[in-house]
Amino acid sequence: MTEPSITDSMLARVGGADAISRIVESFYVRIEADSHMRPIYPEDLEPGKEKLKLFLLQWLGGPPAYSQRYGHPRLRIRHFPFVIDDLAAGRWLRYMREAWQEEGVPDDVVGVVFERFGPLAHHMVNANQDVPRDPVGEARLE
């Protein structure tokens, strides 16, 4: 058996768009309950939920709706307005993994996804860095 890769078959193995929606909602329940994490996020969580859903769908091989709407993901730049420390990166990974496991995503799929999420989450760390803090908002980045 070969290790799965990030393809549209991966999206199917996750459970499709409905599963991604449930994963994102479950993740955000955890964010809302965390006194360290919640202040990092904007007051209105709904736009972020929608962006995360679109990003995950595209990243897992689904339609490129995220890029069509927002351009290149450029995740680090998009996260500059939020002060993200090592603790936040670790909790983001923990809460995201819990959400994927709660959804019942197969362990081999979770393993592949989190091999990529780990470095990505730590790449977002920007606390004590001189980065632009102006919100990117709905800007289309190329």
N, C-alpha and C. Protein backbone atom coordinates (compact mmCIF):
# COMPACT_ATOMS: atom_id res chain seq x y z
N MET A 1 0.85 -1.19 0.00
CA MET A 1 0.00 0.00 0.00
C MET A 1 0.89 1.25 0.00
N THR A 2 0.56 2.18 -0.86
CA THR A 2 1.35 3.40 -0.92
C THR A 2 0.74 4.47 -0.03
N GLU A 3 1.59 5.38 0.41
CA GLU A 3 1.13 6.48 1.26
C GLU A 3 0.28 7.45 0.44
N PRO A 4 -0.87 7.88 0.97
CA PRO A 4 -1.69 8.83 0.22
C PRO A 4 -0.99 10.17 0.08
N SER A 5 -1.33 10.87 -0.99
CA SER A 5 -0.81 12.21 -1.19
C SER A 5 -1.97 13.19 -1.16
N ILE A 6 -1.66 14.49 -1.25
CA ILE A 6 -2.71 15.50 -1.25
C ILE A 6 -3.28 15.56 -2.67
N THR A 7 -4.38 14.87 -2.88
CA THR A 7 -5.06 14.84 -4.18
C THR A 7 -6.55 14.85 -3.96
N ASP A 8 -7.31 14.87 -5.07
CA ASP A 8 -8.76 14.85 -4.88
C ASP A 8 -9.23 13.55 -4.26
N SER A 9 -8.45 12.47 -4.43
CA SER A 9 -8.81 11.24 -3.72
C SER A 9 -8.62 11.43 -2.22
N MET A 10 -7.69 12.32 -1.84
CA MET A 10 -7.51 12.64 -0.42
C MET A 10 -8.76 13.36 0.11
N LEU A 11 -9.27 14.29 -0.66
CA LEU A 11 -10.49 14.98 -0.25
C LEU A 11 -11.63 13.98 -0.07
N ALA A 12 -11.73 13.03 -0.96
CA ALA A 12 -12.77 12.00 -0.83
C ALA A 12 -12.54 11.16 0.43
N ARG A 13 -11.29 10.85 0.73
CA ARG A 13 -10.99 10.05 1.93
C ARG A 13 -11.28 10.82 3.21
N VAL A 14 -11.19 12.14 3.14
CA VAL A 14 -11.53 12.96 4.31
C VAL A 14 -13.04 12.95 4.53
N GLY A 15 -13.79 12.83 3.45
CA GLY A 15 -15.25 12.84 3.56
C GLY A 15 -15.89 13.95 2.76
N GLY A 16 -15.11 14.64 1.94
CA GLY A 16 -15.65 15.68 1.07
C GLY A 16 -15.89 17.00 1.78
N ALA A 17 -16.60 17.86 1.09
CA ALA A 17 -16.83 19.22 1.57
C ALA A 17 -17.60 19.25 2.89
N ASP A 18 -18.54 18.35 3.06
CA ASP A 18 -19.31 18.34 4.32
C ASP A 18 -18.41 18.04 5.51
N ALA A 19 -17.49 17.09 5.33
CA ALA A 19 -16.56 16.76 6.41
C ALA A 19 -15.64 17.93 6.72
N ILE A 20 -15.18 18.62 5.67
CA ILE A 20 -14.32 19.79 5.89
C ILE A 20 -15.09 20.85 6.68
N SER A 21 -16.33 21.07 6.35
CA SER A 21 -17.15 22.05 7.10
C SER A 21 -17.25 21.66 8.57
N ARG A 22 -17.47 20.40 8.84
CA ARG A 22 -17.58 19.95 10.23
C ARG A 22 -16.23 20.07 10.96
N ILE A 23 -15.15 19.75 10.26
CA ILE A 23 -13.81 19.88 10.86
C ILE A 23 -13.56 21.33 11.24
N VAL A 24 -13.85 22.26 10.33
CA VAL A 24 -13.61 23.68 10.61
C VAL A 24 -14.48 24.15 11.77
N GLU A 25 -15.73 23.77 11.80
CA GLU A 25 -16.61 24.18 12.90
C GLU A 25 -16.09 23.61 14.23
N SER A 26 -15.70 22.37 14.24
CA SER A 26 -15.17 21.74 15.45
C SER A 26 -13.89 22.43 15.92
N PHE A 27 -13.02 22.75 14.97
CA PHE A 27 -11.79 23.47 15.29
C PHE A 27 -12.11 24.82 15.94
N TYR A 28 -13.03 25.55 15.37
CA TYR A 28 -13.35 26.88 15.89
C TYR A 28 -14.04 26.83 17.25
N VAL A 29 -14.76 25.77 17.57
CA VAL A 29 -15.31 25.61 18.92
C VAL A 29 -14.17 25.59 19.93
N ARG A 30 -13.10 24.91 19.58
CA ARG A 30 -11.94 24.84 20.46
C ARG A 30 -11.25 26.20 20.58
N ILE A 31 -11.14 26.90 19.46
CA ILE A 31 -10.52 28.23 19.48
C ILE A 31 -11.31 29.17 20.38
N GLU A 32 -12.62 29.15 20.25
CA GLU A 32 -13.47 30.04 21.05
C GLU A 32 -13.33 29.79 22.54
N ALA A 33 -13.03 28.56 22.93
CA ALA A 33 -12.94 28.20 24.34
C ALA A 33 -11.55 28.41 24.94
N ASP A 34 -10.58 28.80 24.13
CA ASP A 34 -9.20 28.91 24.59
C ASP A 34 -8.83 30.37 24.85
N SER A 35 -8.48 30.67 26.08
CA SER A 35 -8.19 32.07 26.45
C SER A 35 -6.91 32.61 25.83
N HIS A 36 -6.02 31.75 25.40
CA HIS A 36 -4.81 32.22 24.70
C HIS A 36 -5.09 32.42 23.21
N MET A 37 -5.87 31.53 22.64
CA MET A 37 -6.09 31.54 21.19
C MET A 37 -7.15 32.55 20.76
N ARG A 38 -8.23 32.66 21.50
CA ARG A 38 -9.35 33.47 21.04
C ARG A 38 -8.96 34.92 20.74
N PRO A 39 -8.12 35.57 21.56
CA PRO A 39 -7.75 36.96 21.26
C PRO A 39 -6.95 37.13 19.96
N ILE A 40 -6.36 36.08 19.46
CA ILE A 40 -5.60 36.17 18.22
C ILE A 40 -6.54 36.36 17.03
N TYR A 41 -7.73 35.84 17.15
CA TYR A 41 -8.70 35.83 16.06
C TYR A 41 -9.56 37.09 16.09
N PRO A 42 -10.06 37.51 14.91
CA PRO A 42 -10.96 38.67 14.87
C PRO A 42 -12.26 38.38 15.64
N GLU A 43 -12.95 39.44 16.01
CA GLU A 43 -14.21 39.28 16.74
C GLU A 43 -15.19 38.40 15.97
N ASP A 44 -15.36 38.67 14.69
CA ASP A 44 -16.26 37.88 13.85
C ASP A 44 -15.47 36.72 13.24
N LEU A 45 -15.79 35.51 13.66
CA LEU A 45 -15.06 34.34 13.20
C LEU A 45 -15.56 33.80 11.86
N GLU A 46 -16.73 34.20 11.44
CA GLU A 46 -17.34 33.61 10.25
C GLU A 46 -16.50 33.78 8.97
N PRO A 47 -15.96 34.96 8.68
CA PRO A 47 -15.14 35.06 7.46
C PRO A 47 -13.92 34.13 7.49
N GLY A 48 -13.30 34.00 8.64
CA GLY A 48 -12.15 33.10 8.76
C GLY A 48 -12.55 31.64 8.57
N LYS A 49 -13.70 31.27 9.09
CA LYS A 49 -14.19 29.90 8.89
C LYS A 49 -14.36 29.62 7.41
N GLU A 50 -14.98 30.54 6.71
CA GLU A 50 -15.23 30.35 5.29
C GLU A 50 -13.92 30.25 4.51
N LYS A 51 -12.96 31.11 4.84
CA LYS A 51 -11.66 31.06 4.15
C LYS A 51 -10.94 29.74 4.43
N LEU A 52 -10.99 29.29 5.68
CA LEU A 52 -10.33 28.03 6.02
C LEU A 52 -10.98 26.87 5.28
N LYS A 53 -12.30 26.86 5.20
CA LYS A 53 -12.99 25.80 4.46
C LYS A 53 -12.56 25.79 2.99
N LEU A 54 -12.58 26.96 2.37
CA LEU A 54 -12.19 27.04 0.96
C LEU A 54 -10.74 26.63 0.76
N PHE A 55 -9.86 27.07 1.66
CA PHE A 55 -8.45 26.72 1.55
C PHE A 55 -8.27 25.21 1.67
N LEU A 56 -8.86 24.60 2.70
CA LEU A 56 -8.69 23.15 2.89
C LEU A 56 -9.25 22.36 1.72
N LEU A 57 -10.40 22.76 1.21
CA LEU A 57 -10.97 22.07 0.06
C LEU A 57 -10.00 22.11 -1.12
N GLN A 58 -9.47 23.27 -1.40
CA GLN A 58 -8.54 23.42 -2.52
C GLN A 58 -7.26 22.65 -2.25
N TRP A 59 -6.72 22.77 -1.07
CA TRP A 59 -5.46 22.13 -0.70
C TRP A 59 -5.54 20.61 -0.78
N LEU A 60 -6.73 20.08 -0.51
CA LEU A 60 -6.92 18.63 -0.55
C LEU A 60 -7.30 18.13 -1.94
N GLY A 61 -7.27 19.02 -2.93
CA GLY A 61 -7.51 18.59 -4.30
C GLY A 61 -8.87 18.96 -4.86
N GLY A 62 -9.66 19.71 -4.11
CA GLY A 62 -10.97 20.14 -4.59
C GLY A 62 -10.87 21.34 -5.50
N PRO A 63 -11.99 21.97 -5.76
CA PRO A 63 -12.01 23.11 -6.68
C PRO A 63 -11.16 24.28 -6.15
N PRO A 64 -10.59 25.07 -7.06
CA PRO A 64 -9.70 26.16 -6.65
C PRO A 64 -10.46 27.44 -6.25
N ALA A 65 -11.54 27.29 -5.53
CA ALA A 65 -12.37 28.45 -5.16
C ALA A 65 -11.61 29.46 -4.31
N TYR A 66 -10.74 28.98 -3.43
CA TYR A 66 -9.97 29.92 -2.61
C TYR A 66 -9.13 30.83 -3.49
N SER A 67 -8.34 30.24 -4.38
CA SER A 67 -7.46 31.04 -5.24
C SER A 67 -8.23 31.90 -6.22
N GLN A 68 -9.36 31.42 -6.68
CA GLN A 68 -10.17 32.22 -7.58
C GLN A 68 -10.67 33.48 -6.88
N ARG A 69 -11.00 33.35 -5.63
CA ARG A 69 -11.53 34.48 -4.88
C ARG A 69 -10.45 35.38 -4.29
N TYR A 70 -9.40 34.77 -3.73
CA TYR A 70 -8.40 35.53 -2.96
C TYR A 70 -7.01 35.57 -3.59
N GLY A 71 -6.80 34.84 -4.68
CA GLY A 71 -5.47 34.77 -5.27
C GLY A 71 -4.63 33.72 -4.56
N HIS A 72 -3.33 33.87 -4.68
CA HIS A 72 -2.40 32.92 -4.05
C HIS A 72 -2.61 32.94 -2.54
N PRO A 73 -2.59 31.78 -1.89
CA PRO A 73 -2.82 31.77 -0.44
C PRO A 73 -1.87 32.65 0.37
N ARG A 74 -0.58 32.67 0.05
CA ARG A 74 0.40 33.50 0.78
C ARG A 74 0.06 33.56 2.28
N LEU A 75 0.01 32.40 2.88
CA LEU A 75 -0.50 32.28 4.24
C LEU A 75 0.28 33.10 5.26
N ARG A 76 1.58 33.12 5.16
CA ARG A 76 2.36 33.89 6.15
C ARG A 76 1.99 35.37 6.10
N ILE A 77 1.94 35.94 4.91
CA ILE A 77 1.57 37.35 4.78
C ILE A 77 0.16 37.59 5.31
N ARG A 78 -0.75 36.70 4.99
CA ARG A 78 -2.13 36.86 5.45
C ARG A 78 -2.25 36.80 6.97
N HIS A 79 -1.29 36.14 7.60
CA HIS A 79 -1.34 36.01 9.06
C HIS A 79 -0.51 37.06 9.80
N PHE A 80 0.20 37.93 9.09
CA PHE A 80 0.98 38.97 9.75
C PHE A 80 0.17 39.84 10.72
N PRO A 81 -1.08 40.17 10.42
CA PRO A 81 -1.82 41.03 11.36
C PRO A 81 -2.05 40.39 12.73
N PHE A 82 -1.90 39.08 12.81
CA PHE A 82 -2.17 38.35 14.05
C PHE A 82 -0.85 37.95 14.70
N VAL A 83 -0.67 38.30 15.96
CA VAL A 83 0.56 37.96 16.67
C VAL A 83 0.47 36.50 17.07
N ILE A 84 1.29 35.69 16.43
CA ILE A 84 1.25 34.24 16.62
C ILE A 84 2.56 33.80 17.26
N ASP A 85 2.44 33.18 18.44
CA ASP A 85 3.63 32.69 19.13
C ASP A 85 3.70 31.16 19.02
N ASP A 86 4.76 30.58 19.58
CA ASP A 86 4.94 29.13 19.51
C ASP A 86 3.81 28.37 20.20
N LEU A 87 3.32 28.90 21.31
CA LEU A 87 2.22 28.26 22.02
C LEU A 87 0.98 28.23 21.11
N ALA A 88 0.71 29.32 20.43
CA ALA A 88 -0.45 29.37 19.52
C ALA A 88 -0.30 28.38 18.38
N ALA A 89 0.89 28.27 17.82
CA ALA A 89 1.11 27.31 16.73
C ALA A 89 0.85 25.89 17.22
N GLY A 90 1.35 25.57 18.41
CA GLY A 90 1.14 24.24 18.98
C GLY A 90 -0.32 23.96 19.26
N ARG A 91 -1.01 24.93 19.81
CA ARG A 91 -2.44 24.72 20.09
C ARG A 91 -3.24 24.62 18.80
N TRP A 92 -2.87 25.43 17.79
CA TRP A 92 -3.56 25.34 16.51
C TRP A 92 -3.46 23.92 15.98
N LEU A 93 -2.26 23.35 16.03
CA LEU A 93 -2.07 21.98 15.57
C LEU A 93 -2.88 20.99 16.40
N ARG A 94 -2.86 21.15 17.71
CA ARG A 94 -3.60 20.22 18.57
C ARG A 94 -5.09 20.28 18.30
N TYR A 95 -5.64 21.49 18.23
CA TYR A 95 -7.08 21.63 18.01
C TYR A 95 -7.48 21.16 16.62
N MET A 96 -6.64 21.41 15.64
CA MET A 96 -6.94 20.96 14.29
C MET A 96 -6.91 19.43 14.23
N ARG A 97 -5.89 18.84 14.84
CA ARG A 97 -5.81 17.36 14.85
C ARG A 97 -7.02 16.77 15.57
N GLU A 98 -7.40 17.34 16.70
CA GLU A 98 -8.57 16.84 17.42
C GLU A 98 -9.82 16.91 16.55
N ALA A 99 -9.96 17.98 15.79
CA ALA A 99 -11.13 18.13 14.92
C ALA A 99 -11.14 17.07 13.82
N TRP A 100 -9.98 16.81 13.22
CA TRP A 100 -9.90 15.79 12.17
C TRP A 100 -10.19 14.41 12.74
N GLN A 101 -9.66 14.13 13.92
CA GLN A 101 -9.90 12.83 14.54
C GLN A 101 -11.36 12.69 14.96
N GLU A 102 -11.94 13.76 15.48
CA GLU A 102 -13.35 13.74 15.87
C GLU A 102 -14.23 13.42 14.67
N GLU A 103 -13.84 13.89 13.50
CA GLU A 103 -14.59 13.64 12.27
C GLU A 103 -14.41 12.20 11.80
N GLY A 104 -13.43 11.50 12.36
CA GLY A 104 -13.20 10.11 11.98
C GLY A 104 -12.39 9.93 10.71
N VAL A 105 -11.59 10.93 10.38
CA VAL A 105 -10.72 10.84 9.21
C VAL A 105 -9.71 9.72 9.47
N PRO A 106 -9.48 8.84 8.49
CA PRO A 106 -8.54 7.73 8.69
C PRO A 106 -7.16 8.21 9.14
N ASP A 107 -6.54 7.42 10.02
CA ASP A 107 -5.25 7.80 10.60
C ASP A 107 -4.18 8.05 9.55
N ASP A 108 -4.16 7.26 8.46
CA ASP A 108 -3.12 7.47 7.46
C ASP A 108 -3.30 8.82 6.76
N VAL A 109 -4.54 9.25 6.58
CA VAL A 109 -4.81 10.55 5.97
C VAL A 109 -4.41 11.66 6.94
N VAL A 110 -4.79 11.52 8.19
CA VAL A 110 -4.41 12.50 9.22
C VAL A 110 -2.89 12.61 9.27
N GLY A 111 -2.20 11.50 9.19
CA GLY A 111 -0.75 11.52 9.23
C GLY A 111 -0.14 12.33 8.10
N VAL A 112 -0.63 12.12 6.88
CA VAL A 112 -0.12 12.86 5.72
C VAL A 112 -0.42 14.35 5.87
N VAL A 113 -1.63 14.68 6.25
CA VAL A 113 -2.04 16.08 6.40
C VAL A 113 -1.17 16.77 7.45
N PHE A 114 -0.96 16.13 8.57
CA PHE A 114 -0.24 16.79 9.66
C PHE A 114 1.27 16.79 9.46
N GLU A 115 1.79 15.95 8.57
CA GLU A 115 3.20 16.10 8.18
C GLU A 115 3.41 17.46 7.52
N ARG A 116 2.38 17.94 6.85
CA ARG A 116 2.46 19.23 6.17
C ARG A 116 2.01 20.38 7.07
N PHE A 117 1.00 20.12 7.91
CA PHE A 117 0.51 21.17 8.81
C PHE A 117 1.55 21.58 9.84
N GLY A 118 2.35 20.66 10.35
CA GLY A 118 3.33 20.99 11.38
C GLY A 118 4.26 22.11 10.96
N PRO A 119 5.01 21.92 9.87
CA PRO A 119 5.89 22.99 9.42
C PRO A 119 5.13 24.27 9.06
N LEU A 120 3.95 24.12 8.49
CA LEU A 120 3.16 25.28 8.10
C LEU A 120 2.76 26.10 9.33
N ALA A 121 2.28 25.44 10.37
CA ALA A 121 1.87 26.15 11.59
C ALA A 121 3.05 26.90 12.20
N HIS A 122 4.21 26.28 12.23
CA HIS A 122 5.37 26.94 12.82
C HIS A 122 5.92 28.05 11.93
N HIS A 123 5.65 27.96 10.64
CA HIS A 123 6.04 29.03 9.72
C HIS A 123 5.21 30.30 9.96
N MET A 124 4.02 30.15 10.55
CA MET A 124 3.15 31.30 10.82
C MET A 124 3.58 32.09 12.05
N VAL A 125 4.45 31.51 12.88
CA VAL A 125 4.89 32.19 14.10
C VAL A 125 5.57 33.51 13.70
N ASN A 126 5.08 34.60 14.31
CA ASN A 126 5.61 35.93 13.97
C ASN A 126 5.72 36.85 15.17
N ALA A 127 5.47 36.31 16.37
CA ALA A 127 5.59 37.12 17.58
C ALA A 127 7.03 37.61 17.68
N ASN A 128 7.21 38.82 18.15
CA ASN A 128 8.53 39.44 18.31
C ASN A 128 9.27 39.59 16.98
N GLN A 129 8.53 39.64 15.89
CA GLN A 129 9.13 39.87 14.58
C GLN A 129 8.60 41.19 14.04
N ASP A 130 9.43 41.87 13.32
CA ASP A 130 9.04 43.14 12.71
C ASP A 130 8.39 42.85 11.36
N VAL A 131 7.08 42.58 11.40
CA VAL A 131 6.32 42.30 10.18
C VAL A 131 5.18 43.29 10.09
N PRO A 132 4.67 43.55 8.88
CA PRO A 132 3.53 44.46 8.75
C PRO A 132 2.31 43.88 9.47
N ARG A 133 1.63 44.71 10.24
CA ARG A 133 0.46 44.23 10.99
C ARG A 133 -0.85 44.73 10.41
N ASP A 134 -0.79 45.39 9.26
CA ASP A 134 -2.03 45.86 8.64
C ASP A 134 -2.84 44.67 8.13
N PRO A 135 -4.14 44.67 8.38
CA PRO A 135 -4.98 43.57 7.91
C PRO A 135 -4.98 43.46 6.38
N VAL A 136 -4.94 42.24 5.89
CA VAL A 136 -5.02 41.97 4.46
C VAL A 136 -6.47 41.92 4.03
N GLY A 137 -7.34 41.46 4.93
CA GLY A 137 -8.77 41.40 4.65
C GLY A 137 -9.09 40.54 3.45
N GLU A 138 -9.92 41.06 2.58
CA GLU A 138 -10.36 40.31 1.41
C GLU A 138 -9.46 40.54 0.21
N ALA A 139 -8.31 41.12 0.41
CA ALA A 139 -7.41 41.46 -0.69
C ALA A 139 -7.03 40.21 -1.49
N ARG A 140 -6.94 40.39 -2.77
CA ARG A 140 -6.48 39.33 -3.67
C ARG A 140 -4.97 39.48 -3.80
N LEU A 141 -4.25 38.43 -3.42
CA LEU A 141 -2.79 38.46 -3.48
C LEU A 141 -2.32 37.56 -4.62
N GLU A 142 -1.38 38.06 -5.37
CA GLU A 142 -0.83 37.28 -6.49
C GLU A 142 0.53 36.76 -6.14
